[in-house]
Amino acid sequence: MEIPQELKTHLQIERDQWDVPHLVCIKCRKRFFSVRDATLHLYHIHDVKAAQKFTS
């Protein structure tokens, strides 16, 4: 799982106790399994315009 360069200031990768990677929103600490879900969250909840091109 890789974070797009434009979104590295908004997302980070963390592993849970079973070593499963998750994308985590830095602003609200919400966890996601996919880049698409994380970018939809950033665009609609935190109004991050750079995330719009990754939502499709």
Protein backbone atom coordinates (compact mmCIF):
# COMPACT_ATOMS: atom_id res chain seq x y z
CA MET A 1 0.00 0.00 0.00
CA GLU A 2 1.42 3.33 -1.05
CA ILE A 3 0.23 6.85 -0.30
CA PRO A 4 0.15 9.24 -3.28
CA GLN A 5 2.79 11.96 -2.92
CA GLU A 6 0.17 14.75 -2.88
CA LEU A 7 -1.53 13.21 0.17
CA LYS A 8 1.44 12.30 2.35
CA THR A 9 0.82 15.33 4.56
CA HIS A 10 -2.71 14.07 5.29
CA LEU A 11 -2.28 10.28 5.54
CA GLN A 12 0.11 7.84 7.13
CA ILE A 13 0.41 4.06 7.23
CA GLU A 14 0.09 2.26 10.56
CA ARG A 15 -0.03 -1.44 11.36
CA ASP A 16 -2.46 -2.95 13.85
CA GLN A 17 -1.72 -5.70 16.38
CA TRP A 18 -2.06 -8.35 13.63
CA ASP A 19 0.44 -6.49 11.42
CA VAL A 20 -2.26 -5.41 8.95
CA PRO A 21 -1.49 -2.04 7.33
CA HIS A 22 -4.08 0.73 7.44
CA LEU A 23 -4.13 4.23 6.05
CA VAL A 24 -4.77 6.71 8.86
CA CYS A 25 -6.03 10.27 8.51
CA ILE A 26 -3.61 12.48 10.43
CA LYS A 27 -6.33 15.04 11.28
CA CYS A 28 -8.93 12.75 12.86
CA ARG A 29 -7.12 9.38 13.21
CA LYS A 30 -9.80 7.49 11.20
CA ARG A 31 -8.49 4.26 9.62
CA PHE A 32 -8.98 3.00 6.06
CA PHE A 33 -8.15 -0.17 4.16
CA SER A 34 -7.92 1.42 0.70
CA VAL A 35 -6.47 4.56 -0.83
CA ARG A 36 -9.83 5.27 -2.51
CA ASP A 37 -11.71 5.24 0.79
CA ALA A 38 -9.10 7.46 2.42
CA THR A 39 -9.15 9.98 -0.44
CA LEU A 40 -12.96 10.11 -0.42
CA HIS A 41 -12.78 10.87 3.31
CA LEU A 42 -10.16 13.60 2.80
CA TYR A 43 -12.11 15.21 -0.01
CA HIS A 44 -15.59 15.14 1.53
CA ILE A 45 -14.84 15.52 5.25
CA HIS A 46 -11.67 17.64 5.39
CA ASP A 47 -12.11 19.42 2.01
CA VAL A 48 -8.66 18.44 0.72
CA LYS A 49 -8.86 19.46 -2.95
CA ALA A 50 -5.77 17.41 -3.92
CA ALA A 51 -7.65 14.22 -3.03
CA GLN A 52 -10.31 14.77 -5.70
CA LYS A 53 -8.27 13.27 -8.54
CA PHE A 54 -7.83 9.99 -6.59
CA THR A 55 -11.53 9.48 -5.80
CA SER A 56 -12.56 7.96 -9.14
